[in-house]
């Protein structure tokens, strides 16, 4: 037979139905052969069944590959026009950071997130940005703040904006700026009085460009905190981690717009320095290269075995990561296509790959599908997750669903076909062997990410059982990771 399902879930059911039909046919033929005493026929029936199941398994695997290819093609086609020219005349699809765009596409195809988003919009209604700002802050007219309006006109020209900008200020010594959901003909930028007083015109240009970037890339479409609040009974911890990871990646896209507007990387670096240090006087001698070098120290700290899992729930990247990502963009062919004065030393592909590596220091790490040890990693995760699910004696549907979210679809489908043939002892022995094989080849961060993903299984059914946590502890020990990490990651995820 040829499988016709278009989703992996439907395919799994279609395959199981085909196996059941083959078994029924075999039993009917066996009963007939036994009744007639035809022992040669019994042997032929057995061989025929083996041939049928082998063919079904081959067709099943082939259809999985076809479905994955169709999904990838659909995503690729969708990427081309994900951002429109509704708000600006520049090519946003070329400018956006890949990590930002990829998460948006994933969210667009995630039914649970989309359903939660619909409930958010129904609950909150239409937010009136201008009305709120007029009540809570001071609108800065051209007469009151001519410099800000000069910056606004400059950004509007650079980005070919199709709407005007209104500026607002509120009283606070903290350095802060934000944008509010726009109307069709207005963008709204709000600044703290502390930032307005202590940042230079050039630095404010970067900040304002950054905030405009959030509007251009429609970052308001996914209000992370509200999605998690409304969906707290439906969304899993992996959804929270991915939403916060997207939030951080969105900052990288917005930083690129900020640089387009200020057109000076050192100004951007000085802005980050002021935001992170709070120092705006000449009491410290700002050196851009020295500031960028902090990235090396931070990278080492983030790769430490005592990594703080709360980083995965941070809404903004650490400043050294942002400035390093922006430095790469500043040297890229991508930026050169927007700014004639840039030579473009780095290809777009090389830039995006290195920024992805940098951002992975704070993100759920992608255990690459085509890596040399990928199959063993995925098998370890599946078996480890299944042992956690089965620790309390009952494997719930919610736990199986959570397991499917952390293991690649093809691996998950194949493992589900073979798991019933293994005893718990055999699973434990295989996990021990896999951990020995992976211990020396996995980085500390990869091990932490595996354990973080597996911890999702322990509370997928809404409660954490001590027996499940003990399995997690054993898996951590096999990977030579302190079990304190398990306690922290479960605590942080429950807090979110």
Protein backbone atom coordinates (compact mmCIF):
# COMPACT_ATOMS: atom_id res chain seq x y z
CA UNK A 1 0.00 0.00 0.00
CA UNK A 2 0.98 3.66 -0.28
CA UNK A 3 0.44 5.97 2.67
CA UNK A 4 -1.53 9.13 1.90
CA UNK A 5 -1.59 11.01 5.24
CA UNK A 6 -0.34 14.60 5.17
CA UNK A 7 0.48 14.97 8.89
CA UNK A 8 2.71 12.84 11.10
CA UNK A 9 -0.11 12.26 13.61
CA UNK A 10 -2.46 10.96 10.89
CA UNK A 11 0.35 8.90 9.38
CA UNK A 12 1.02 7.15 12.69
CA UNK A 13 -2.66 6.15 12.93
CA UNK A 14 -2.75 5.06 9.27
CA UNK A 15 0.36 2.94 9.81
CA UNK A 16 -1.04 1.31 12.95
CA UNK A 17 -4.31 0.52 11.13
CA UNK A 18 -2.31 -1.09 8.30
CA UNK A 19 -0.33 -3.20 10.81
CA UNK A 20 -3.56 -4.27 12.53
CA UNK A 21 -5.11 -5.21 9.18
CA UNK A 22 -2.04 -7.27 8.26
CA UNK A 23 -2.17 -9.04 11.64
CA UNK A 24 -5.86 -9.86 11.21
CA UNK A 25 -5.22 -11.23 7.75
CA UNK A 26 -2.29 -13.31 9.04
CA UNK A 27 -4.36 -14.76 11.91
CA UNK A 28 -7.20 -15.67 9.55
CA UNK A 29 -4.78 -17.41 7.17
CA UNK A 30 -2.99 -19.15 10.06
CA UNK A 31 -6.26 -20.46 11.48
CA UNK A 32 -7.25 -21.79 8.05
CA UNK A 33 -3.84 -23.43 7.55
CA UNK A 34 -3.89 -24.97 11.02
CA UNK A 35 -7.41 -26.28 10.50
CA UNK A 36 -6.33 -28.04 7.30
CA UNK A 37 -3.05 -29.24 8.84
CA UNK A 38 -1.05 -27.58 6.04
CA UNK A 39 2.26 -26.86 7.83
CA UNK A 40 3.91 -25.52 4.66
CA UNK A 41 1.06 -23.01 4.37
CA UNK A 42 1.64 -21.93 8.00
CA UNK A 43 5.27 -21.16 7.14
CA UNK A 44 4.26 -19.28 4.00
CA UNK A 45 1.77 -17.16 6.00
CA UNK A 46 4.49 -16.24 8.51
CA UNK A 47 6.96 -15.26 5.78
CA UNK A 48 4.28 -13.25 3.94
CA UNK A 49 3.45 -11.35 7.14
CA UNK A 50 7.11 -10.50 7.71
CA UNK A 51 7.40 -9.27 4.12
CA UNK A 52 4.25 -7.15 4.52
CA UNK A 53 5.36 -5.53 7.78
CA UNK A 54 8.83 -4.83 6.33
CA UNK A 55 7.22 -3.16 3.31
CA UNK A 56 4.89 -1.16 5.57
CA UNK A 57 7.82 0.00 7.69
CA UNK A 58 9.71 1.11 4.57
CA UNK A 59 6.65 2.95 3.21
CA UNK A 60 6.08 4.52 6.64
CA UNK A 61 9.64 5.86 6.84
CA UNK A 62 9.48 7.11 3.25
CA UNK A 63 6.19 8.96 3.91
CA UNK A 64 7.66 10.59 7.04
CA UNK A 65 10.48 11.96 4.87
CA UNK A 66 7.96 13.17 2.26
CA UNK A 67 5.82 14.94 4.88
CA UNK A 68 8.88 16.60 6.42
CA UNK A 69 10.00 17.74 2.96
CA UNK A 70 6.54 19.17 2.22
CA UNK A 71 6.53 21.02 5.54
CA UNK A 72 10.00 22.44 4.88
CA UNK A 73 8.92 23.55 1.39
CA UNK A 74 5.82 25.27 2.80
CA UNK A 75 7.93 27.08 5.38
CA UNK A 76 10.48 28.12 2.77
CA UNK A 77 7.75 29.53 0.53
CA UNK A 78 6.21 31.33 3.47
CA UNK A 79 9.51 32.93 4.52
CA UNK A 80 9.69 35.04 1.37
CA UNK A 81 6.70 37.18 2.24
CA UNK A 82 6.39 36.98 6.02
CA UNK A 83 7.10 40.73 6.36
CA UNK A 84 5.23 43.19 4.17
CA UNK A 85 5.93 46.79 3.14
CA UNK A 86 2.86 47.99 5.05
CA UNK A 87 4.89 50.27 7.35
CA UNK A 88 8.21 50.88 5.55
CA UNK A 89 9.73 50.82 2.09
CA UNK A 90 12.84 48.79 2.99
CA UNK A 91 13.24 45.03 2.57
CA UNK A 92 12.41 43.73 6.04
CA UNK A 93 12.69 40.09 4.94
CA UNK A 94 16.34 40.72 4.11
CA UNK A 95 17.01 42.75 7.27
CA UNK A 96 15.40 40.52 9.93
CA UNK A 97 17.54 38.24 12.09
CA UNK A 98 16.91 34.64 11.03
CA UNK A 99 16.31 33.49 14.61
CA UNK A 100 13.53 36.06 15.03
CA UNK A 101 11.82 35.08 11.78
CA UNK A 102 12.16 31.31 12.34
CA UNK A 103 10.43 31.46 15.72
CA UNK A 104 7.61 33.57 14.24
CA UNK A 105 7.06 30.96 11.53
CA UNK A 106 7.06 28.20 14.15
CA UNK A 107 4.47 30.10 16.22
CA UNK A 108 2.31 30.71 13.15
CA UNK A 109 2.17 26.94 12.61
CA UNK A 110 1.60 26.05 16.28
CA UNK A 111 -2.15 25.57 16.84
CA UNK A 112 -1.89 25.82 20.63
CA UNK A 113 -0.08 29.16 20.55
CA UNK A 114 -2.47 30.52 17.92
CA UNK A 115 -5.50 29.44 19.94
CA UNK A 116 -4.03 31.07 23.06
CA UNK A 117 -3.32 34.23 21.08
CA UNK A 118 -6.96 34.38 19.97
CA UNK A 119 -8.03 34.20 23.62
CA UNK A 120 -5.54 36.97 24.51
CA UNK A 121 -7.03 39.23 21.84
CA UNK A 122 -10.60 38.41 22.89
CA UNK A 123 -9.79 39.07 26.57
CA UNK A 124 -7.84 42.30 26.16
CA UNK A 125 -9.69 43.91 23.28
CA UNK A 126 -8.18 46.74 21.26
CA UNK A 127 -5.52 48.68 23.18
CA UNK A 128 -5.73 52.44 22.55
CA UNK A 129 -2.07 53.49 22.63
CA UNK A 130 -2.53 57.22 22.12
CA UNK A 131 -5.29 57.53 24.71
CA UNK A 132 -3.18 55.70 27.28
CA UNK A 133 -0.07 57.77 26.54
CA UNK A 134 -1.92 61.08 26.71
CA UNK A 135 -3.19 60.11 30.16
CA UNK A 136 0.10 58.77 31.55
CA UNK A 137 2.82 60.93 29.96
CA UNK A 138 3.61 64.20 28.19
CA UNK A 139 3.38 64.44 24.40
CA UNK A 140 6.48 66.14 23.02
CA UNK A 141 5.55 68.47 20.20
CA UNK A 142 8.05 69.82 17.69
CA UNK A 143 8.18 73.08 19.69
CA UNK A 144 8.95 71.28 22.98
CA UNK A 145 11.48 68.81 21.55
CA UNK A 146 12.81 69.91 18.16
CA UNK A 147 15.80 67.54 18.38
CA UNK A 148 13.58 64.49 18.83
CA UNK A 149 11.51 65.47 15.81
CA UNK A 150 14.70 65.91 13.76
CA UNK A 151 15.64 62.35 14.75
CA UNK A 152 12.14 61.18 13.83
CA UNK A 153 12.32 62.76 10.38
CA UNK A 154 15.80 61.28 9.83
CA UNK A 155 14.59 57.77 10.76
CA UNK A 156 11.50 58.20 8.64
CA UNK A 157 13.65 59.05 5.62
CA UNK A 158 16.19 56.24 6.18
CA UNK A 159 13.52 53.59 6.71
CA UNK A 160 11.03 55.08 4.25
CA UNK A 161 8.34 55.00 6.93
CA UNK A 162 4.73 55.40 5.85
CA UNK A 163 3.53 56.86 9.17
CA UNK A 164 4.44 59.83 11.36
CA UNK A 165 6.07 59.45 14.78
CA UNK A 166 4.70 60.87 18.01
CA UNK A 167 7.01 61.18 21.01
CA UNK A 168 6.09 61.02 24.68
CA UNK A 169 8.11 61.38 27.88
CA UNK A 170 7.46 60.21 31.43
CA UNK A 171 9.27 61.08 34.66
CA UNK A 172 11.91 58.53 35.67
CA UNK A 173 15.64 58.56 36.33
CA UNK A 174 15.91 55.09 34.82
CA UNK A 175 17.06 54.80 31.22
CA UNK A 176 14.16 53.35 29.33
CA UNK A 177 12.43 53.62 25.99
CA UNK A 178 9.57 51.70 24.45
CA UNK A 179 7.14 51.70 21.58
CA UNK A 180 3.39 51.18 21.78
CA UNK A 181 1.12 49.38 19.31
CA UNK A 182 0.84 51.73 16.31
CA UNK A 183 -2.15 53.09 14.47
CA UNK A 184 -2.28 53.11 10.68
CA UNK A 185 -0.88 56.63 10.46
CA UNK A 186 1.14 57.00 13.68
CA UNK A 187 3.98 55.30 15.54
CA UNK A 188 4.31 55.96 19.26
CA UNK A 189 7.71 56.21 21.01
CA UNK A 190 7.96 56.88 24.74
CA UNK A 191 11.17 57.85 26.56
CA UNK A 192 12.04 58.25 30.22
CA UNK A 193 13.12 61.75 31.28
CA UNK A 194 16.46 60.31 32.45
CA UNK A 195 17.26 58.96 29.00
CA UNK A 196 16.11 62.12 27.26
CA UNK A 197 18.38 64.29 29.43
CA UNK A 198 21.55 62.17 29.45
CA UNK A 199 21.81 60.57 26.02
CA UNK A 200 23.27 62.39 23.02
CA UNK A 201 21.32 63.01 19.83
CA UNK A 202 23.23 60.21 18.08
CA UNK A 203 22.57 57.76 20.92
CA UNK A 204 18.88 58.66 20.96
CA UNK A 205 18.81 58.03 17.21
CA UNK A 206 19.94 54.44 17.81
CA UNK A 207 17.39 53.99 20.62
CA UNK A 208 14.51 55.42 18.58
CA UNK A 209 15.50 53.38 15.53
CA UNK A 210 15.55 50.27 17.72
CA UNK A 211 12.02 50.97 18.98
CA UNK A 212 10.78 51.60 15.43
CA UNK A 213 12.28 48.22 14.54
CA UNK A 214 9.91 46.49 16.97
CA UNK A 215 7.00 48.12 15.15
CA UNK A 216 8.26 47.25 11.66
CA UNK A 217 8.74 43.58 12.53
CA UNK A 218 5.29 43.44 14.17
CA UNK A 219 6.71 42.24 17.47
CA UNK A 220 3.44 43.26 19.12
CA UNK A 221 1.79 40.24 17.50
CA UNK A 222 3.15 37.97 20.25
CA UNK A 223 2.78 39.59 23.71
CA UNK A 224 4.74 36.93 25.58
CA UNK A 225 3.64 37.69 29.14
CA UNK A 226 -0.04 37.82 28.19
CA UNK A 227 0.18 34.61 26.13
CA UNK A 228 1.71 32.79 29.10
CA UNK A 229 -0.83 34.23 31.55
CA UNK A 230 -3.86 33.29 29.44
CA UNK A 231 -2.39 29.94 28.38
CA UNK A 232 -0.98 28.90 31.75
CA UNK A 233 -3.20 25.79 31.92
CA UNK A 234 -2.52 24.72 28.33
CA UNK A 235 1.01 25.73 27.34
CA UNK A 236 3.97 23.59 28.35
CA UNK A 237 7.27 24.95 29.76
CA UNK A 238 8.87 24.43 26.34
CA UNK A 239 6.43 27.02 24.96
CA UNK A 240 7.56 29.53 27.59
CA UNK A 241 11.22 28.93 26.78
CA UNK A 242 10.61 29.34 23.06
CA UNK A 243 8.54 32.50 23.51
CA UNK A 244 11.26 34.09 25.65
CA UNK A 245 13.93 32.92 23.20
CA UNK A 246 11.98 34.64 20.40
CA UNK A 247 11.69 37.76 22.57
CA UNK A 248 15.50 37.89 22.81
CA UNK A 249 15.94 37.24 19.10
CA UNK A 250 13.49 40.04 18.33
CA UNK A 251 15.87 42.44 20.09
CA UNK A 252 18.60 41.49 17.59
CA UNK A 253 16.34 42.46 14.66
CA UNK A 254 15.41 45.75 16.34
CA UNK A 255 19.09 46.54 17.00
CA UNK A 256 19.73 46.27 13.25
CA UNK A 257 17.11 48.96 12.58
CA UNK A 258 18.72 51.11 15.27
CA UNK A 259 22.07 50.86 13.49
CA UNK A 260 20.46 51.65 10.14
CA UNK A 261 19.17 54.89 11.68
CA UNK A 262 22.27 56.05 13.59
CA UNK A 263 24.72 54.60 10.98
CA UNK A 264 27.58 54.46 13.48
CA UNK A 265 28.53 51.27 15.29
CA UNK A 266 30.53 53.07 17.99
CA UNK A 267 27.45 55.13 18.85
CA UNK A 268 25.46 51.91 19.23
CA UNK A 269 28.21 50.49 21.47
CA UNK A 270 28.26 53.63 23.62
CA UNK A 271 24.47 53.41 23.95
CA UNK A 272 24.67 49.82 25.18
CA UNK A 273 27.43 50.86 27.59
CA UNK A 274 25.28 53.60 29.11
CA UNK A 275 22.26 51.33 29.35
CA UNK A 276 24.20 48.54 31.08
CA UNK A 277 26.46 50.66 33.33
CA UNK A 278 24.25 53.66 34.07
CA UNK A 279 27.31 55.89 33.68
CA UNK A 280 26.81 58.88 31.36
CA UNK A 281 29.64 61.17 32.48
CA UNK A 282 33.31 61.11 31.48
CA UNK A 283 34.28 59.43 34.77
CA UNK A 284 34.83 56.21 32.80
CA UNK A 285 36.84 56.08 29.60
CA UNK A 286 34.64 54.22 27.12
CA UNK A 287 36.62 51.92 24.83
CA UNK A 288 34.47 50.06 22.32
CA UNK A 289 36.92 47.20 21.75
CA UNK A 290 37.34 46.61 25.48
CA UNK A 291 33.57 46.58 25.88
CA UNK A 292 33.15 44.05 23.06
CA UNK A 293 35.82 41.83 24.67
CA UNK A 294 33.50 41.32 27.64
CA UNK A 295 31.69 38.89 25.37
CA UNK A 296 34.58 36.42 25.78
CA UNK A 297 34.25 36.45 29.58
CA UNK A 298 30.47 36.13 29.38
CA UNK A 299 30.68 33.24 26.91
CA UNK A 300 32.95 31.36 29.30
CA UNK A 301 30.60 32.02 32.21
CA UNK A 302 27.52 30.90 30.28
CA UNK A 303 29.22 27.65 29.27
CA UNK A 304 29.92 26.79 32.91
CA UNK A 305 28.37 23.63 34.34
CA UNK A 306 26.61 25.76 36.97
CA UNK A 307 24.63 27.60 34.29
CA UNK A 308 21.61 29.42 35.72
CA UNK A 309 18.49 28.04 33.98
CA UNK A 310 16.63 31.32 34.61
CA UNK A 311 18.58 32.71 31.61
CA UNK A 312 16.18 30.74 29.41
CA UNK A 313 13.31 32.91 30.69
CA UNK A 314 15.00 36.30 30.21
CA UNK A 315 13.26 38.72 27.83
CA UNK A 316 16.43 40.49 26.65
CA UNK A 317 19.87 39.20 25.60
CA UNK A 318 22.79 40.21 27.80
CA UNK A 319 24.38 43.41 26.47
CA UNK A 320 27.73 41.80 25.47
CA UNK A 321 25.81 39.30 23.32
CA UNK A 322 23.84 42.09 21.66
CA UNK A 323 26.88 44.22 20.89
CA UNK A 324 28.73 41.19 19.48
CA UNK A 325 25.76 40.32 17.27
CA UNK A 326 25.53 43.94 16.09
CA UNK A 327 29.27 44.03 15.38
CA UNK A 328 28.83 41.06 13.05
CA UNK A 329 25.89 42.77 11.33
CA UNK A 330 27.95 45.96 10.98
CA UNK A 331 30.57 44.00 9.00
CA UNK A 332 28.10 42.02 6.90
CA UNK A 333 27.08 42.05 3.27
CA UNK A 334 23.51 42.34 4.56
CA UNK A 335 24.18 45.73 6.18
CA UNK A 336 26.19 46.80 3.11
CA UNK A 337 23.08 46.31 0.99
CA UNK A 338 21.37 49.01 3.11
CA UNK A 339 24.38 51.30 3.60
CA UNK A 340 26.68 52.16 0.68
CA UNK A 341 29.53 53.18 3.00
CA UNK A 342 29.91 49.61 4.33
CA UNK A 343 32.19 47.19 2.51
CA UNK A 344 30.58 43.98 3.77
CA UNK A 345 33.38 41.67 4.95
CA UNK A 346 31.11 38.84 6.13
CA UNK A 347 28.54 36.93 4.09
CA UNK A 348 24.96 36.87 5.29
CA UNK A 349 25.13 33.12 5.90
CA UNK A 350 28.32 33.36 7.98
CA UNK A 351 26.90 36.27 9.98
CA UNK A 352 23.63 34.51 10.78
CA UNK A 353 25.37 31.26 11.77
CA UNK A 354 27.72 33.03 14.18
CA UNK A 355 24.90 35.10 15.71
CA UNK A 356 22.88 31.90 16.13
CA UNK A 357 25.82 30.40 18.03
CA UNK A 358 26.06 33.51 20.21
CA UNK A 359 22.35 33.53 20.96
CA UNK A 360 22.41 29.81 21.79
CA UNK A 361 24.30 30.73 24.96
CA UNK A 362 20.95 31.92 26.36
CA UNK A 363 18.58 29.81 24.29
CA UNK A 364 17.30 26.26 24.12
CA UNK A 365 20.16 24.81 22.08
CA UNK A 366 19.35 23.17 18.78
CA UNK A 367 20.78 19.64 18.87
CA UNK A 368 21.29 19.50 15.13
CA UNK A 369 19.34 16.89 13.23
CA UNK A 370 22.26 16.08 10.95
CA UNK A 371 25.00 16.06 13.59
CA UNK A 372 27.33 13.08 13.86
CA UNK A 373 25.83 11.97 17.18
CA UNK A 374 22.29 13.19 16.55
CA UNK A 375 20.73 9.73 16.40
CA UNK A 376 22.24 8.75 19.75
CA UNK A 377 21.24 12.06 21.34
CA UNK A 378 17.67 11.70 20.14
CA UNK A 379 17.48 8.05 21.25
CA UNK A 380 18.86 9.03 24.68
CA UNK A 381 16.25 11.78 25.01
CA UNK A 382 13.40 9.49 23.98
CA UNK A 383 14.37 6.64 26.31
CA UNK A 384 15.15 9.04 29.16
CA UNK A 385 11.81 10.79 28.65
CA UNK A 386 9.93 7.50 28.51
CA UNK A 387 11.57 6.29 31.75
CA UNK A 388 10.53 9.56 33.42
CA UNK A 389 6.96 9.17 32.14
CA UNK A 390 6.79 5.57 33.36
CA UNK A 391 8.38 6.26 36.76
CA UNK A 392 5.01 6.61 38.51
CA UNK A 393 3.66 3.53 36.75
CA UNK A 394 1.41 5.42 34.33
CA UNK A 395 2.40 6.98 30.99
CA UNK A 396 -0.15 9.76 30.41
CA UNK A 397 -1.12 11.12 27.00
CA UNK A 398 0.16 14.54 28.12
CA UNK A 399 3.57 13.03 28.84
CA UNK A 400 3.70 11.35 25.43
CA UNK A 401 2.72 14.66 23.82
CA UNK A 402 5.47 16.44 25.76
CA UNK A 403 7.94 13.74 24.71
CA UNK A 404 6.98 14.27 21.07
CA UNK A 405 7.76 17.99 21.45
CA UNK A 406 11.41 17.41 22.44
CA UNK A 407 12.30 14.61 20.03
CA UNK A 408 12.45 14.95 16.25
CA UNK A 409 9.23 13.64 14.61
CA UNK A 410 10.96 10.93 12.61
CA UNK A 411 12.87 9.63 15.64
CA UNK A 412 9.77 9.81 17.83
CA UNK A 413 7.70 7.79 15.35
CA UNK A 414 10.39 5.12 14.97
CA UNK A 415 10.99 4.89 18.74
CA UNK A 416 7.27 4.51 19.44
CA UNK A 417 7.27 1.51 17.11
CA UNK A 418 10.04 -0.27 19.04
CA UNK A 419 9.51 0.81 22.66
CA UNK A 420 6.90 -1.84 23.46
CA UNK A 421 9.42 -4.57 22.76
CA UNK A 422 11.80 -3.38 25.51
CA UNK A 423 11.69 -4.06 29.23
CA UNK A 424 12.48 -1.27 31.69
CA UNK A 425 15.79 -2.96 32.49
CA UNK A 426 16.73 -3.04 28.80
CA UNK A 427 15.85 0.66 28.46
CA UNK A 428 18.02 1.57 31.47
CA UNK A 429 20.94 -0.46 30.11
CA UNK A 430 20.65 1.27 26.71
CA UNK A 431 20.47 4.72 28.35
CA UNK A 432 23.62 3.92 30.34
CA UNK A 433 25.44 2.84 27.19
CA UNK A 434 24.29 5.94 25.28
CA UNK A 435 25.41 8.23 28.11
CA UNK A 436 28.88 6.65 27.99
CA UNK A 437 29.05 7.25 24.24
CA UNK A 438 27.85 10.87 24.52
CA UNK A 439 29.66 11.99 27.67
CA UNK A 440 32.90 13.03 25.96
CA UNK A 441 31.42 14.46 22.76
CA UNK A 442 28.69 16.69 24.21
CA UNK A 443 29.44 20.16 25.54
CA UNK A 444 28.26 21.12 29.00
CA UNK A 445 25.62 23.39 27.45
CA UNK A 446 24.29 20.54 25.28
CA UNK A 447 23.98 18.31 28.35
CA UNK A 448 22.15 21.05 30.25
CA UNK A 449 19.77 21.55 27.33
CA UNK A 450 19.04 17.80 27.16
CA UNK A 451 18.26 17.71 30.87
CA UNK A 452 16.17 20.85 30.64
CA UNK A 453 14.08 19.31 27.84
CA UNK A 454 13.70 16.05 29.76
CA UNK A 455 12.56 17.95 32.86
CA UNK A 456 9.54 19.06 30.83
CA UNK A 457 8.30 15.45 30.90
CA UNK A 458 8.26 15.37 34.71
CA UNK A 459 5.51 17.98 35.01
CA UNK A 460 3.70 17.51 31.69
CA UNK A 461 0.75 15.94 33.53
CA UNK A 462 0.46 18.95 35.86
CA UNK A 463 2.26 17.45 38.84
CA UNK A 464 5.79 16.43 39.73
CA UNK A 465 6.25 12.98 41.23
CA UNK A 466 9.31 12.21 43.34
CA UNK A 467 9.93 9.03 41.36
CA UNK A 468 10.09 11.08 38.14
CA UNK A 469 12.54 13.54 39.69
CA UNK A 470 14.70 10.63 40.83
CA UNK A 471 14.94 9.41 37.24
CA UNK A 472 16.00 12.94 36.23
CA UNK A 473 18.66 12.90 38.94
CA UNK A 474 20.00 9.58 37.60
CA UNK A 475 20.09 10.93 34.05
CA UNK A 476 21.99 14.00 35.29
CA UNK A 477 24.51 11.80 37.07
CA UNK A 478 25.02 9.74 33.90
CA UNK A 479 25.86 12.97 32.04
CA UNK A 480 28.08 14.13 34.95
CA UNK A 481 25.88 17.15 35.75
CA UNK A 482 25.17 18.19 39.34
CA UNK A 483 21.61 17.26 40.34
CA UNK A 484 21.13 20.79 41.76
CA UNK A 485 20.57 21.85 38.15
CA UNK A 486 17.44 19.67 37.99
CA UNK A 487 16.02 21.38 41.11
CA UNK A 488 16.69 24.85 39.67
CA UNK A 489 15.27 24.22 36.21
CA UNK A 490 12.05 22.70 37.61
CA UNK A 491 11.69 25.57 40.09
CA UNK A 492 12.23 28.24 37.41
CA UNK A 493 9.83 26.60 34.97
CA UNK A 494 7.12 26.34 37.63
CA UNK A 495 7.66 30.01 38.44
CA UNK A 496 7.02 30.96 34.82
